[in-house]
């Protein structure tokens, strides 16, 4: 009788454990779907606003919810619920219209506007966004992040361990928002990036740029795997603050943590 009782207690204990795990997964799934999604910065396309190894939570309440709000775009509805429009200059995580990956860039062009870059200067509806030169952005030329990518430098050739420089400017958008951008200016890898056609943003779409202008796949490339214009439905959420940052290839390497970037506001 006692043996039967102990066996039953073990079964009940296992069942309670499974229930606890199940509810924890449900709560975590709801948190990720409705409130905040974790995002790790894998590339340098948003330097120096965001660095490789920055970790942040994306505010999914900012623009409401679409089918892309759920993991694997599995939310069972079309359009947006509780939707609100992004503001120019917001740093946004969105679902790539072509390959389905999550990208993070800055929205600069709103529906119905024209966007063009001339010699690296952004023009919106024919008006230039002023750029003020400030001190160059400096970093060590070394493999960065888990993928071990080397940064591009304006002062090439630069050997490993040397100081890699990029021209840095403060760009002011038409709504008065100012933010930092990087530009090598001699974009030999793709000179079209500094001088683009005149784009007209379709209704219900947005035009995105990376802050590291010469090292960003963004709306400047239309078709052929480029980002192109991003539909409103593809917006996932706004990036508001860096939570954690590590310059190393592994998060556990505490000696590579960038303590000065913990909880830094994203502008």
C-alpha atoms as a PDB file:
ATOM      1  CA  UNK A   1       0.000   0.000   0.000  1.00  0.00           C
ATOM      2  CA  UNK A   2       2.830   2.362   0.896  1.00  0.00           C
ATOM      3  CA  UNK A   3       4.657   1.473  -2.321  1.00  0.00           C
ATOM      4  CA  UNK A   4       1.534   2.275  -4.344  1.00  0.00           C
ATOM      5  CA  UNK A   5       1.177   5.576  -2.523  1.00  0.00           C
ATOM      6  CA  UNK A   6       4.788   6.581  -3.228  1.00  0.00           C
ATOM      7  CA  UNK A   7       4.408   5.648  -6.906  1.00  0.00           C
ATOM      8  CA  UNK A   8       1.267   7.752  -7.163  1.00  0.00           C
ATOM      9  CA  UNK A   9       3.012  10.683  -5.478  1.00  0.00           C
ATOM     10  CA  UNK A  10       5.871  10.468  -8.010  1.00  0.00           C
ATOM     11  CA  UNK A  11       3.404  10.467 -10.914  1.00  0.00           C
ATOM     12  CA  UNK A  12       1.569  13.463  -9.476  1.00  0.00           C
ATOM     13  CA  UNK A  13       4.875  15.251  -8.911  1.00  0.00           C
ATOM     14  CA  UNK A  14       5.946  14.595 -12.511  1.00  0.00           C
ATOM     15  CA  UNK A  15       2.586  15.831 -13.783  1.00  0.00           C
ATOM     16  CA  UNK A  16       2.897  19.051 -11.777  1.00  0.00           C
ATOM     17  CA  UNK A  17       6.412  19.589 -13.134  1.00  0.00           C
ATOM     18  CA  UNK A  18       5.178  19.142 -16.703  1.00  0.00           C
ATOM     19  CA  UNK A  19       2.328  21.584 -16.062  1.00  0.00           C
ATOM     20  CA  UNK A  20       4.777  24.144 -14.660  1.00  0.00           C
ATOM     21  CA  UNK A  21       7.062  23.799 -17.686  1.00  0.00           C
ATOM     22  CA  UNK A  22       4.100  24.049 -20.072  1.00  0.00           C
ATOM     23  CA  UNK A  23       2.760  27.207 -18.427  1.00  0.00           C
ATOM     24  CA  UNK A  24       6.250  28.719 -18.418  1.00  0.00           C
ATOM     25  CA  UNK A  25       6.513  28.092 -22.165  1.00  0.00           C
ATOM     26  CA  UNK A  26       3.064  29.576 -22.763  1.00  0.00           C
ATOM     27  CA  UNK A  27       3.892  32.696 -20.742  1.00  0.00           C
ATOM     28  CA  UNK A  28       7.264  33.078 -22.479  1.00  0.00           C
ATOM     29  CA  UNK A  29       5.583  32.688 -25.872  1.00  0.00           C
ATOM     30  CA  UNK A  30       2.969  35.323 -25.045  1.00  0.00           C
ATOM     31  CA  UNK A  31       5.667  37.678 -23.734  1.00  0.00           C
ATOM     32  CA  UNK A  32       7.680  37.279 -26.938  1.00  0.00           C
ATOM     33  CA  UNK A  33       4.636  37.587 -29.205  1.00  0.00           C
ATOM     34  CA  UNK A  34       2.835  40.475 -27.527  1.00  0.00           C
ATOM     35  CA  UNK A  35       5.443  42.519 -25.681  1.00  0.00           C
ATOM     36  CA  UNK A  36       9.163  42.210 -26.382  1.00  0.00           C
ATOM     37  CA  UNK A  37      11.306  40.147 -28.736  1.00  0.00           C
ATOM     38  CA  UNK A  38      15.019  39.608 -28.036  1.00  0.00           C
ATOM     39  CA  UNK A  39      17.359  40.614 -30.859  1.00  0.00           C
ATOM     40  CA  UNK A  40      21.115  40.176 -31.160  1.00  0.00           C
ATOM     41  CA  UNK A  41      23.039  42.493 -33.512  1.00  0.00           C
ATOM     42  CA  UNK A  42      24.982  40.227 -35.920  1.00  0.00           C
ATOM     43  CA  UNK A  43      26.501  42.791 -38.314  1.00  0.00           C
ATOM     44  CA  UNK A  44      27.956  46.289 -38.450  1.00  0.00           C
ATOM     45  CA  UNK A  45      25.282  47.811 -40.701  1.00  0.00           C
ATOM     46  CA  UNK A  46      23.992  50.094 -37.912  1.00  0.00           C
ATOM     47  CA  UNK A  47      27.314  51.318 -36.502  1.00  0.00           C
ATOM     48  CA  UNK A  48      27.900  53.359 -34.512  1.00  0.00           C
ATOM     49  CA  UNK A  49      24.327  53.428 -33.198  1.00  0.00           C
ATOM     50  CA  UNK A  50      24.416  49.649 -32.742  1.00  0.00           C
ATOM     51  CA  UNK A  51      27.547  47.514 -32.528  1.00  0.00           C
ATOM     52  CA  UNK A  52      28.078  43.854 -33.297  1.00  0.00           C
ATOM     53  CA  UNK A  53      27.267  41.999 -30.089  1.00  0.00           C
ATOM     54  CA  UNK A  54      24.646  44.438 -28.791  1.00  0.00           C
ATOM     55  CA  UNK A  55      21.613  42.679 -27.308  1.00  0.00           C
ATOM     56  CA  UNK A  56      18.253  44.395 -27.096  1.00  0.00           C
ATOM     57  CA  UNK A  57      14.544  43.792 -26.653  1.00  0.00           C
ATOM     58  CA  UNK A  58      12.294  44.972 -29.487  1.00  0.00           C
ATOM     59  CA  UNK A  59       9.120  46.774 -28.391  1.00  0.00           C
ATOM     60  CA  UNK A  60       6.396  44.883 -30.267  1.00  0.00           C
ATOM     61  CA  UNK A  61       3.615  47.103 -28.904  1.00  0.00           C
ATOM     62  CA  UNK A  62       4.965  50.153 -30.771  1.00  0.00           C
ATOM     63  CA  UNK A  63       3.236  49.502 -34.123  1.00  0.00           C
ATOM     64  CA  UNK A  64       0.651  46.884 -33.222  1.00  0.00           C
ATOM     65  CA  UNK A  65       0.621  43.293 -34.428  1.00  0.00           C
ATOM     66  CA  UNK A  66       0.712  41.473 -37.752  1.00  0.00           C
ATOM     67  CA  UNK A  67       1.222  37.839 -38.700  1.00  0.00           C
ATOM     68  CA  UNK A  68       4.974  38.483 -38.430  1.00  0.00           C
ATOM     69  CA  UNK A  69       4.583  39.229 -34.720  1.00  0.00           C
ATOM     70  CA  UNK A  70       4.443  35.492 -34.053  1.00  0.00           C
ATOM     71  CA  UNK A  71       7.472  33.207 -34.411  1.00  0.00           C
ATOM     72  CA  UNK A  72       7.766  31.926 -37.999  1.00  0.00           C
ATOM     73  CA  UNK A  73       5.067  34.462 -39.064  1.00  0.00           C
ATOM     74  CA  UNK A  74       2.377  32.132 -37.718  1.00  0.00           C
ATOM     75  CA  UNK A  75      -0.104  34.667 -36.318  1.00  0.00           C
ATOM     76  CA  UNK A  76      -3.453  33.636 -37.868  1.00  0.00           C
ATOM     77  CA  UNK A  77      -4.545  36.987 -39.323  1.00  0.00           C
ATOM     78  CA  UNK A  78      -3.629  39.480 -42.042  1.00  0.00           C
ATOM     79  CA  UNK A  79      -3.078  43.233 -41.838  1.00  0.00           C
ATOM     80  CA  UNK A  80      -2.319  44.842 -38.448  1.00  0.00           C
ATOM     81  CA  UNK A  81      -4.133  44.889 -35.143  1.00  0.00           C
ATOM     82  CA  UNK A  82      -3.862  47.938 -32.848  1.00  0.00           C
ATOM     83  CA  UNK A  83      -1.592  49.449 -35.483  1.00  0.00           C
ATOM     84  CA  UNK A  84       0.192  52.795 -35.240  1.00  0.00           C
ATOM     85  CA  UNK A  85       2.533  54.424 -37.725  1.00  0.00           C
ATOM     86  CA  UNK A  86       6.303  54.550 -37.209  1.00  0.00           C
ATOM     87  CA  UNK A  87       8.006  57.919 -36.934  1.00  0.00           C
ATOM     88  CA  UNK A  88      10.830  58.885 -39.230  1.00  0.00           C
ATOM     89  CA  UNK A  89      14.123  57.964 -37.629  1.00  0.00           C
ATOM     90  CA  UNK A  90      12.810  55.004 -35.614  1.00  0.00           C
ATOM     91  CA  UNK A  91      15.200  52.048 -35.465  1.00  0.00           C
ATOM     92  CA  UNK A  92      13.007  49.089 -36.387  1.00  0.00           C
ATOM     93  CA  UNK A  93      13.258  45.323 -36.638  1.00  0.00           C
ATOM     94  CA  UNK A  94      11.320  44.092 -39.669  1.00  0.00           C
ATOM     95  CA  UNK A  95      10.835  40.906 -41.641  1.00  0.00           C
ATOM     96  CA  UNK A  96      12.778  41.017 -44.925  1.00  0.00           C
ATOM     97  CA  UNK A  97      10.194  41.008 -47.756  1.00  0.00           C
ATOM     98  CA  UNK A  98      12.214  38.487 -49.747  1.00  0.00           C
ATOM     99  CA  UNK A  99      14.187  36.060 -47.613  1.00  0.00           C
ATOM    100  CA  UNK A 100      12.098  36.160 -44.420  1.00  0.00           C
ATOM    101  CA  UNK A 101      15.001  37.066 -42.120  1.00  0.00           C
ATOM    102  CA  UNK A 102      14.716  39.695 -39.380  1.00  0.00           C
ATOM    103  CA  UNK A 103      16.618  42.902 -40.212  1.00  0.00           C
ATOM    104  CA  UNK A 104      17.204  46.054 -38.178  1.00  0.00           C
ATOM    105  CA  UNK A 105      17.544  49.460 -39.879  1.00  0.00           C
ATOM    106  CA  UNK A 106      16.408  53.074 -39.531  1.00  0.00           C
ATOM    107  CA  UNK A 107      13.254  54.227 -41.320  1.00  0.00           C
ATOM    108  CA  UNK A 108      13.894  57.418 -43.313  1.00  0.00           C
ATOM    109  CA  UNK A 109      11.253  57.429 -46.049  1.00  0.00           C
ATOM    110  CA  UNK A 110       7.499  57.411 -45.389  1.00  0.00           C
ATOM    111  CA  UNK A 111       4.675  56.419 -47.781  1.00  0.00           C
ATOM    112  CA  UNK A 112       4.318  58.752 -50.762  1.00  0.00           C
ATOM    113  CA  UNK A 113       7.693  60.476 -50.305  1.00  0.00           C
ATOM    114  CA  UNK A 114      10.657  60.515 -52.682  1.00  0.00           C
ATOM    115  CA  UNK A 115      14.052  59.354 -51.410  1.00  0.00           C
ATOM    116  CA  UNK A 116      17.445  59.702 -53.058  1.00  0.00           C
ATOM    117  CA  UNK A 117      21.118  59.732 -52.077  1.00  0.00           C
ATOM    118  CA  UNK A 118      23.502  62.101 -53.868  1.00  0.00           C
ATOM    119  CA  UNK A 119      27.195  61.810 -53.025  1.00  0.00           C
ATOM    120  CA  UNK A 120      26.200  60.161 -49.746  1.00  0.00           C
ATOM    121  CA  UNK A 121      23.701  62.873 -48.745  1.00  0.00           C
ATOM    122  CA  UNK A 122      20.093  61.838 -48.115  1.00  0.00           C
ATOM    123  CA  UNK A 123      17.378  63.803 -49.918  1.00  0.00           C
ATOM    124  CA  UNK A 124      13.720  63.468 -48.905  1.00  0.00           C
ATOM    125  CA  UNK A 125      11.169  65.090 -51.237  1.00  0.00           C
ATOM    126  CA  UNK A 126      14.102  66.923 -52.823  1.00  0.00           C
ATOM    127  CA  UNK A 127      15.362  68.462 -49.563  1.00  0.00           C
ATOM    128  CA  UNK A 128      18.763  67.449 -48.197  1.00  0.00           C
ATOM    129  CA  UNK A 129      19.063  66.088 -44.670  1.00  0.00           C
ATOM    130  CA  UNK A 130      21.930  68.212 -43.266  1.00  0.00           C
ATOM    131  CA  UNK A 131      25.129  66.432 -42.219  1.00  0.00           C
ATOM    132  CA  UNK A 132      27.603  67.841 -39.712  1.00  0.00           C
ATOM    133  CA  UNK A 133      31.080  66.304 -39.655  1.00  0.00           C
ATOM    134  CA  UNK A 134      32.292  65.204 -36.219  1.00  0.00           C
ATOM    135  CA  UNK A 135      35.320  63.212 -35.048  1.00  0.00           C
ATOM    136  CA  UNK A 136      35.840  59.951 -36.962  1.00  0.00           C
ATOM    137  CA  UNK A 137      34.608  56.651 -35.585  1.00  0.00           C
ATOM    138  CA  UNK A 138      37.586  54.543 -34.485  1.00  0.00           C
ATOM    139  CA  UNK A 139      37.723  50.818 -33.760  1.00  0.00           C
ATOM    140  CA  UNK A 140      40.353  48.096 -33.742  1.00  0.00           C
ATOM    141  CA  UNK A 141      40.633  46.119 -36.960  1.00  0.00           C
ATOM    142  CA  UNK A 142      40.031  42.613 -35.679  1.00  0.00           C
ATOM    143  CA  UNK A 143      37.452  39.843 -36.170  1.00  0.00           C
ATOM    144  CA  UNK A 144      34.144  40.942 -34.657  1.00  0.00           C
ATOM    145  CA  UNK A 145      31.361  38.795 -33.215  1.00  0.00           C
ATOM    146  CA  UNK A 146      30.688  35.082 -33.688  1.00  0.00           C
ATOM    147  CA  UNK A 147      31.067  35.404 -37.470  1.00  0.00           C
ATOM    148  CA  UNK A 148      34.513  36.992 -37.190  1.00  0.00           C
ATOM    149  CA  UNK A 149      33.865  39.791 -39.687  1.00  0.00           C
ATOM    150  CA  UNK A 150      36.538  42.432 -40.284  1.00  0.00           C
ATOM    151  CA  UNK A 151      35.405  46.071 -40.386  1.00  0.00           C
ATOM    152  CA  UNK A 152      35.904  48.181 -43.511  1.00  0.00           C
ATOM    153  CA  UNK A 153      38.129  51.216 -42.969  1.00  0.00           C
ATOM    154  CA  UNK A 154      38.446  54.602 -44.664  1.00  0.00           C
ATOM    155  CA  UNK A 155      42.183  54.648 -43.885  1.00  0.00           C
ATOM    156  CA  UNK A 156      43.034  51.359 -45.604  1.00  0.00           C
ATOM    157  CA  UNK A 157      45.403  49.588 -45.693  1.00  0.00           C
ATOM    158  CA  UNK A 158      45.101  48.768 -41.999  1.00  0.00           C
ATOM    159  CA  UNK A 159      46.688  45.656 -40.523  1.00  0.00           C
ATOM    160  CA  UNK A 160      45.130  43.464 -37.874  1.00  0.00           C
ATOM    161  CA  UNK A 161      45.263  45.229 -34.536  1.00  0.00           C
ATOM    162  CA  UNK A 162      45.503  48.648 -36.191  1.00  0.00           C
ATOM    163  CA  UNK A 163      43.109  51.570 -35.784  1.00  0.00           C
ATOM    164  CA  UNK A 164      40.276  51.476 -38.314  1.00  0.00           C
ATOM    165  CA  UNK A 165      38.683  54.859 -39.035  1.00  0.00           C
ATOM    166  CA  UNK A 166      35.412  55.902 -40.671  1.00  0.00           C
ATOM    167  CA  UNK A 167      34.123  59.406 -41.318  1.00  0.00           C
ATOM    168  CA  UNK A 168      31.286  60.207 -38.923  1.00  0.00           C
ATOM    169  CA  UNK A 169      28.493  62.733 -39.402  1.00  0.00           C
ATOM    170  CA  UNK A 170      25.455  63.873 -37.447  1.00  0.00           C
ATOM    171  CA  UNK A 171      22.508  63.704 -39.835  1.00  0.00           C
ATOM    172  CA  UNK A 172      19.337  65.667 -39.087  1.00  0.00           C
ATOM    173  CA  UNK A 173      16.096  64.352 -40.555  1.00  0.00           C
ATOM    174  CA  UNK A 174      13.153  66.605 -41.542  1.00  0.00           C
ATOM    175  CA  UNK A 175      11.371  65.953 -38.238  1.00  0.00           C
ATOM    176  CA  UNK A 176      14.398  67.292 -36.331  1.00  0.00           C
ATOM    177  CA  UNK A 177      15.766  63.912 -35.181  1.00  0.00           C
ATOM    178  CA  UNK A 178      19.574  63.843 -35.255  1.00  0.00           C
ATOM    179  CA  UNK A 179      21.603  60.654 -35.285  1.00  0.00           C
ATOM    180  CA  UNK A 180      25.091  59.457 -36.137  1.00  0.00           C
ATOM    181  CA  UNK A 181      25.997  57.938 -39.503  1.00  0.00           C
ATOM    182  CA  UNK A 182      29.251  56.507 -40.845  1.00  0.00           C
ATOM    183  CA  UNK A 183      30.447  56.883 -44.414  1.00  0.00           C
ATOM    184  CA  UNK A 184      33.727  55.910 -46.042  1.00  0.00           C
ATOM    185  CA  UNK A 185      32.722  58.166 -48.971  1.00  0.00           C
ATOM    186  CA  UNK A 186      34.913  56.165 -51.393  1.00  0.00           C
ATOM    187  CA  UNK A 187      32.479  53.305 -51.830  1.00  0.00           C
ATOM    188  CA  UNK A 188      34.405  51.270 -54.365  1.00  0.00           C
ATOM    189  CA  UNK A 189      32.562  48.038 -53.544  1.00  0.00           C
ATOM    190  CA  UNK A 190      29.232  49.515 -54.678  1.00  0.00           C
ATOM    191  CA  UNK A 191      29.398  53.163 -55.824  1.00  0.00           C
ATOM    192  CA  UNK A 192      25.622  53.115 -56.462  1.00  0.00           C
ATOM    193  CA  UNK A 193      25.082  53.190 -52.687  1.00  0.00           C
ATOM    194  CA  UNK A 194      26.144  56.866 -52.493  1.00  0.00           C
ATOM    195  CA  UNK A 195      24.297  57.900 -55.662  1.00  0.00           C
ATOM    196  CA  UNK A 196      20.925  56.247 -56.105  1.00  0.00           C
ATOM    197  CA  UNK A 197      17.973  56.642 -58.421  1.00  0.00           C
ATOM    198  CA  UNK A 198      15.030  58.703 -57.234  1.00  0.00           C
ATOM    199  CA  UNK A 199      12.729  56.342 -55.349  1.00  0.00           C
ATOM    200  CA  UNK A 200       9.058  56.997 -54.662  1.00  0.00           C
ATOM    201  CA  UNK A 201       7.890  55.098 -51.585  1.00  0.00           C
ATOM    202  CA  UNK A 202       4.597  53.289 -52.316  1.00  0.00           C
ATOM    203  CA  UNK A 203       1.604  53.638 -50.027  1.00  0.00           C
ATOM    204  CA  UNK A 204       1.750  51.185 -47.149  1.00  0.00           C
ATOM    205  CA  UNK A 205       5.539  50.845 -47.435  1.00  0.00           C
ATOM    206  CA  UNK A 206       8.686  52.367 -45.893  1.00  0.00           C
ATOM    207  CA  UNK A 207      12.254  53.119 -46.964  1.00  0.00           C
ATOM    208  CA  UNK A 208      15.050  51.963 -44.640  1.00  0.00           C
ATOM    209  CA  UNK A 209      18.767  52.794 -44.421  1.00  0.00           C
ATOM    210  CA  UNK A 210      21.570  51.483 -42.245  1.00  0.00           C
ATOM    211  CA  UNK A 211      23.525  54.083 -40.267  1.00  0.00           C
ATOM    212  CA  UNK A 212      26.788  52.552 -41.533  1.00  0.00           C
ATOM    213  CA  UNK A 213      26.001  53.746 -45.033  1.00  0.00           C
ATOM    214  CA  UNK A 214      28.770  51.926 -46.915  1.00  0.00           C
ATOM    215  CA  UNK A 215      28.193  48.601 -45.180  1.00  0.00           C
ATOM    216  CA  UNK A 216      24.429  48.072 -45.197  1.00  0.00           C
ATOM    217  CA  UNK A 217      22.014  46.058 -47.283  1.00  0.00           C
ATOM    218  CA  UNK A 218      18.863  48.182 -47.202  1.00  0.00           C
ATOM    219  CA  UNK A 219      16.143  49.790 -49.307  1.00  0.00           C
ATOM    220  CA  UNK A 220      18.664  51.172 -51.791  1.00  0.00           C
ATOM    221  CA  UNK A 221      18.690  47.760 -53.483  1.00  0.00           C
ATOM    222  CA  UNK A 222      15.371  46.965 -55.158  1.00  0.00           C
ATOM    223  CA  UNK A 223      14.910  43.342 -56.227  1.00  0.00           C
ATOM    224  CA  UNK A 224      17.595  40.721 -56.639  1.00  0.00           C
ATOM    225  CA  UNK A 225      17.623  39.865 -52.931  1.00  0.00           C
ATOM    226  CA  UNK A 226      17.716  43.486 -51.775  1.00  0.00           C
ATOM    227  CA  UNK A 227      15.489  44.842 -49.033  1.00  0.00           C
ATOM    228  CA  UNK A 228      13.587  47.259 -51.282  1.00  0.00           C
ATOM    229  CA  UNK A 229      10.476  48.921 -49.903  1.00  0.00           C
ATOM    230  CA  UNK A 230       9.261  47.300 -46.667  1.00  0.00           C
ATOM    231  CA  UNK A 231       5.498  46.715 -46.264  1.00  0.00           C
ATOM    232  CA  UNK A 232       3.844  48.042 -43.101  1.00  0.00           C
ATOM    233  CA  UNK A 233       2.786  44.485 -42.287  1.00  0.00           C
ATOM    234  CA  UNK A 234       6.450  43.417 -42.054  1.00  0.00           C
ATOM    235  CA  UNK A 235       7.304  45.758 -39.162  1.00  0.00           C
ATOM    236  CA  UNK A 236       7.958  43.746 -35.998  1.00  0.00           C
ATOM    237  CA  UNK A 237       8.854  46.390 -33.436  1.00  0.00           C
ATOM    238  CA  UNK A 238      10.926  49.375 -32.364  1.00  0.00           C
ATOM    239  CA  UNK A 239      14.383  49.101 -30.825  1.00  0.00           C
ATOM    240  CA  UNK A 240      14.493  51.475 -27.860  1.00  0.00           C
ATOM    241  CA  UNK A 241      17.436  50.497 -25.675  1.00  0.00           C
ATOM    242  CA  UNK A 242      20.532  48.273 -25.648  1.00  0.00           C
ATOM    243  CA  UNK A 243      20.236  45.878 -22.711  1.00  0.00           C
ATOM    244  CA  UNK A 244      23.580  44.097 -22.911  1.00  0.00           C
ATOM    245  CA  UNK A 245      26.675  44.283 -25.112  1.00  0.00           C
ATOM    246  CA  UNK A 246      29.677  42.060 -25.708  1.00  0.00           C
ATOM    247  CA  UNK A 247      32.581  42.562 -28.105  1.00  0.00           C
ATOM    248  CA  UNK A 248      33.583  38.891 -27.927  1.00  0.00           C
ATOM    249  CA  UNK A 249      32.580  35.864 -29.959  1.00  0.00           C
ATOM    250  CA  UNK A 250      30.742  34.392 -26.944  1.00  0.00           C
ATOM    251  CA  UNK A 251      28.434  36.129 -24.488  1.00  0.00           C
ATOM    252  CA  UNK A 252      30.031  34.284 -21.557  1.00  0.00           C
ATOM    253  CA  UNK A 253      33.403  35.980 -22.163  1.00  0.00           C
ATOM    254  CA  UNK A 254      32.758  38.583 -19.463  1.00  0.00           C
ATOM    255  CA  UNK A 255      36.058  40.376 -20.090  1.00  0.00           C
ATOM    256  CA  UNK A 256      34.673  41.462 -23.498  1.00  0.00           C
ATOM    257  CA  UNK A 257      31.490  43.007 -22.064  1.00  0.00           C
ATOM    258  CA  UNK A 258      30.938  46.674 -22.954  1.00  0.00           C
ATOM    259  CA  UNK A 259      29.608  47.891 -19.618  1.00  0.00           C
ATOM    260  CA  UNK A 260      29.229  51.451 -20.903  1.00  0.00           C
ATOM    261  CA  UNK A 261      26.579  50.263 -23.392  1.00  0.00           C
ATOM    262  CA  UNK A 262      24.370  48.456 -20.877  1.00  0.00           C
ATOM    263  CA  UNK A 263      20.865  50.049 -20.956  1.00  0.00           C
ATOM    264  CA  UNK A 264      21.963  52.684 -23.468  1.00  0.00           C
ATOM    265  CA  UNK A 265      19.101  54.472 -25.245  1.00  0.00           C
ATOM    266  CA  UNK A 266      18.929  54.014 -29.019  1.00  0.00           C
ATOM    267  CA  UNK A 267      18.590  57.281 -30.966  1.00  0.00           C
END
